[in-house]
Amino acid sequence: MAVRQAGVVSAHQGRPRIVDTLARLWWTPLLWVLAAGALGFTTTAVFSAWLHLPRDWFLVPYLMVAGTFLYTYARCSDLQLAERLHRHWTWGVIGAVVVGAFMVWSVLR
């Protein structure tokens, strides 16, 4: 049975898990943003600058690293990805149309 304490749902009633402890700290989201930036920069530097991989081959490890990071973030923050996509899909479609229109405009310019 889940226990709710300070806005955090915990499946354990005894000692709090590390995920629950990190979820209560105010600077945890900042760490995720910094980690994502550092990981993106490092991945690009290694596979593009040092190994000189062509774009097609560069995307394979980059997407693997980014996917692993997204999976880890979703697991550690108890993010219900399917629920979020189901609840906010209209904003995603609107954002995709706006970004897509900008990309077409910038390529055809």
C-alpha atoms as a PDB file:
ATOM      1  CA  MET A   1       0.000   0.000   0.000  1.00  0.00           C
ATOM      2  CA  ALA A   2       1.304   3.463  -0.857  1.00  0.00           C
ATOM      3  CA  VAL A   3       1.937   6.019   1.858  1.00  0.00           C
ATOM      4  CA  ARG A   4       1.684   9.756   1.140  1.00  0.00           C
ATOM      5  CA  GLN A   5       4.019  12.051   3.071  1.00  0.00           C
ATOM      6  CA  ALA A   6       4.734  15.668   2.132  1.00  0.00           C
ATOM      7  CA  GLY A   7       3.382  15.198  -1.383  1.00  0.00           C
ATOM      8  CA  VAL A   8       5.538  12.134  -2.083  1.00  0.00           C
ATOM      9  CA  VAL A   9       4.024   8.700  -2.603  1.00  0.00           C
ATOM     10  CA  SER A  10       6.134   5.953  -1.098  1.00  0.00           C
ATOM     11  CA  ALA A  11       5.536   2.251  -1.576  1.00  0.00           C
ATOM     12  CA  HIS A  12       7.523   1.518   1.582  1.00  0.00           C
ATOM     13  CA  GLN A  13       6.245   2.261   5.069  1.00  0.00           C
ATOM     14  CA  GLY A  14       9.576   1.805   6.826  1.00  0.00           C
ATOM     15  CA  ARG A  15      12.772   3.651   5.969  1.00  0.00           C
ATOM     16  CA  PRO A  16      12.302   6.130   3.059  1.00  0.00           C
ATOM     17  CA  ARG A  17      13.853   5.204  -0.273  1.00  0.00           C
ATOM     18  CA  ILE A  18      16.581   7.383  -1.799  1.00  0.00           C
ATOM     19  CA  VAL A  19      14.131   8.382  -4.553  1.00  0.00           C
ATOM     20  CA  ASP A  20      11.668   9.683  -1.962  1.00  0.00           C
ATOM     21  CA  THR A  21      14.414  11.592  -0.164  1.00  0.00           C
ATOM     22  CA  LEU A  22      15.667  13.208  -3.373  1.00  0.00           C
ATOM     23  CA  ALA A  23      12.121  14.105  -4.460  1.00  0.00           C
ATOM     24  CA  ARG A  24      11.749  16.322  -1.374  1.00  0.00           C
ATOM     25  CA  LEU A  25      14.899  18.366  -1.933  1.00  0.00           C
ATOM     26  CA  TRP A  26      14.449  21.710  -3.695  1.00  0.00           C
ATOM     27  CA  TRP A  27      17.669  21.445  -5.732  1.00  0.00           C
ATOM     28  CA  THR A  28      17.028  17.994  -7.215  1.00  0.00           C
ATOM     29  CA  PRO A  29      15.459  19.351 -10.465  1.00  0.00           C
ATOM     30  CA  LEU A  30      18.479  21.617 -10.875  1.00  0.00           C
ATOM     31  CA  LEU A  31      20.766  18.583 -10.668  1.00  0.00           C
ATOM     32  CA  TRP A  32      18.773  16.809 -13.392  1.00  0.00           C
ATOM     33  CA  VAL A  33      19.041  19.841 -15.700  1.00  0.00           C
ATOM     34  CA  LEU A  34      22.784  20.160 -15.082  1.00  0.00           C
ATOM     35  CA  ALA A  35      23.276  16.422 -15.593  1.00  0.00           C
ATOM     36  CA  ALA A  36      21.325  16.520 -18.875  1.00  0.00           C
ATOM     37  CA  GLY A  37      23.430  19.430 -20.142  1.00  0.00           C
ATOM     38  CA  ALA A  38      26.704  17.825 -19.121  1.00  0.00           C
ATOM     39  CA  LEU A  39      25.708  14.477 -20.606  1.00  0.00           C
ATOM     40  CA  GLY A  40      24.615  16.074 -23.884  1.00  0.00           C
ATOM     41  CA  PHE A  41      27.812  18.092 -24.154  1.00  0.00           C
ATOM     42  CA  THR A  42      30.021  15.122 -23.279  1.00  0.00           C
ATOM     43  CA  THR A  43      28.253  12.775 -25.683  1.00  0.00           C
ATOM     44  CA  THR A  44      28.552  15.288 -28.506  1.00  0.00           C
ATOM     45  CA  ALA A  45      32.209  15.991 -27.737  1.00  0.00           C
ATOM     46  CA  VAL A  46      33.189  12.317 -27.624  1.00  0.00           C
ATOM     47  CA  PHE A  47      31.275  10.954 -30.595  1.00  0.00           C
ATOM     48  CA  SER A  48      31.452  13.976 -32.892  1.00  0.00           C
ATOM     49  CA  ALA A  49      34.640  15.882 -32.094  1.00  0.00           C
ATOM     50  CA  TRP A  50      36.985  13.133 -30.904  1.00  0.00           C
ATOM     51  CA  LEU A  51      35.760  10.123 -32.903  1.00  0.00           C
ATOM     52  CA  HIS A  52      34.672  12.166 -35.952  1.00  0.00           C
ATOM     53  CA  LEU A  53      31.623   9.995 -36.547  1.00  0.00           C
ATOM     54  CA  PRO A  54      29.394  10.971 -39.480  1.00  0.00           C
ATOM     55  CA  ARG A  55      25.961  12.310 -38.546  1.00  0.00           C
ATOM     56  CA  ASP A  56      24.153   9.024 -39.229  1.00  0.00           C
ATOM     57  CA  TRP A  57      26.465   7.054 -36.931  1.00  0.00           C
ATOM     58  CA  PHE A  58      26.626   9.841 -34.344  1.00  0.00           C
ATOM     59  CA  LEU A  59      22.872   9.696 -33.779  1.00  0.00           C
ATOM     60  CA  VAL A  60      22.944   6.032 -32.720  1.00  0.00           C
ATOM     61  CA  PRO A  61      24.967   6.449 -29.500  1.00  0.00           C
ATOM     62  CA  TYR A  62      23.480   9.896 -28.873  1.00  0.00           C
ATOM     63  CA  LEU A  63      19.915   8.554 -28.921  1.00  0.00           C
ATOM     64  CA  MET A  64      20.956   5.583 -26.776  1.00  0.00           C
ATOM     65  CA  VAL A  65      22.476   7.878 -24.144  1.00  0.00           C
ATOM     66  CA  ALA A  66      19.536  10.304 -24.280  1.00  0.00           C
ATOM     67  CA  GLY A  67      17.017   7.458 -24.050  1.00  0.00           C
ATOM     68  CA  THR A  68      18.809   5.933 -21.091  1.00  0.00           C
ATOM     69  CA  PHE A  69      18.892   9.323 -19.357  1.00  0.00           C
ATOM     70  CA  LEU A  70      15.160   9.850 -19.978  1.00  0.00           C
ATOM     71  CA  TYR A  71      14.374   6.359 -18.664  1.00  0.00           C
ATOM     72  CA  THR A  72      16.487   6.957 -15.550  1.00  0.00           C
ATOM     73  CA  TYR A  73      14.832  10.330 -14.943  1.00  0.00           C
ATOM     74  CA  ALA A  74      11.357   8.853 -15.323  1.00  0.00           C
ATOM     75  CA  ARG A  75      12.165   6.010 -12.902  1.00  0.00           C
ATOM     76  CA  CYS A  76      13.854   8.173 -10.265  1.00  0.00           C
ATOM     77  CA  SER A  77      11.205  10.893 -10.265  1.00  0.00           C
ATOM     78  CA  ASP A  78       8.251   8.469 -10.428  1.00  0.00           C
ATOM     79  CA  LEU A  79       7.105  10.185 -13.619  1.00  0.00           C
ATOM     80  CA  GLN A  80       3.986   8.603 -15.087  1.00  0.00           C
ATOM     81  CA  LEU A  81       4.875   9.212 -18.734  1.00  0.00           C
ATOM     82  CA  ALA A  82       1.777   7.574 -20.265  1.00  0.00           C
ATOM     83  CA  GLU A  83      -0.508   9.593 -17.984  1.00  0.00           C
ATOM     84  CA  ARG A  84       1.293  12.843 -18.839  1.00  0.00           C
ATOM     85  CA  LEU A  85       1.096  12.166 -22.574  1.00  0.00           C
ATOM     86  CA  HIS A  86      -2.571  11.272 -22.311  1.00  0.00           C
ATOM     87  CA  ARG A  87      -3.389  14.377 -20.263  1.00  0.00           C
ATOM     88  CA  HIS A  88      -1.313  16.942 -22.207  1.00  0.00           C
ATOM     89  CA  TRP A  89      -1.333  15.636 -25.796  1.00  0.00           C
ATOM     90  CA  THR A  90      -3.061  18.715 -27.235  1.00  0.00           C
ATOM     91  CA  TRP A  91      -0.218  20.988 -26.069  1.00  0.00           C
ATOM     92  CA  GLY A  92       2.239  18.562 -27.636  1.00  0.00           C
ATOM     93  CA  VAL A  93       0.467  18.738 -30.986  1.00  0.00           C
ATOM     94  CA  ILE A  94       0.292  22.538 -30.832  1.00  0.00           C
ATOM     95  CA  GLY A  95       3.991  22.725 -29.954  1.00  0.00           C
ATOM     96  CA  ALA A  96       4.900  20.300 -32.745  1.00  0.00           C
ATOM     97  CA  VAL A  97       2.991  22.358 -35.323  1.00  0.00           C
ATOM     98  CA  VAL A  98       4.649  25.599 -34.185  1.00  0.00           C
ATOM     99  CA  VAL A  99       8.164  24.110 -34.093  1.00  0.00           C
ATOM    100  CA  GLY A 100       7.576  22.287 -37.401  1.00  0.00           C
ATOM    101  CA  ALA A 101       6.413  25.494 -39.088  1.00  0.00           C
ATOM    102  CA  PHE A 102       9.492  27.319 -37.793  1.00  0.00           C
ATOM    103  CA  MET A 103      11.790  24.534 -39.028  1.00  0.00           C
ATOM    104  CA  VAL A 104      10.210  24.574 -42.507  1.00  0.00           C
ATOM    105  CA  TRP A 105      10.487  28.362 -42.622  1.00  0.00           C
ATOM    106  CA  SER A 106      14.152  28.301 -41.571  1.00  0.00           C
ATOM    107  CA  VAL A 107      15.093  25.579 -44.082  1.00  0.00           C
ATOM    108  CA  LEU A 108      13.290  27.217 -47.011  1.00  0.00           C
ATOM    109  CA  ARG A 109      14.693  30.655 -46.197  1.00  0.00           C
END
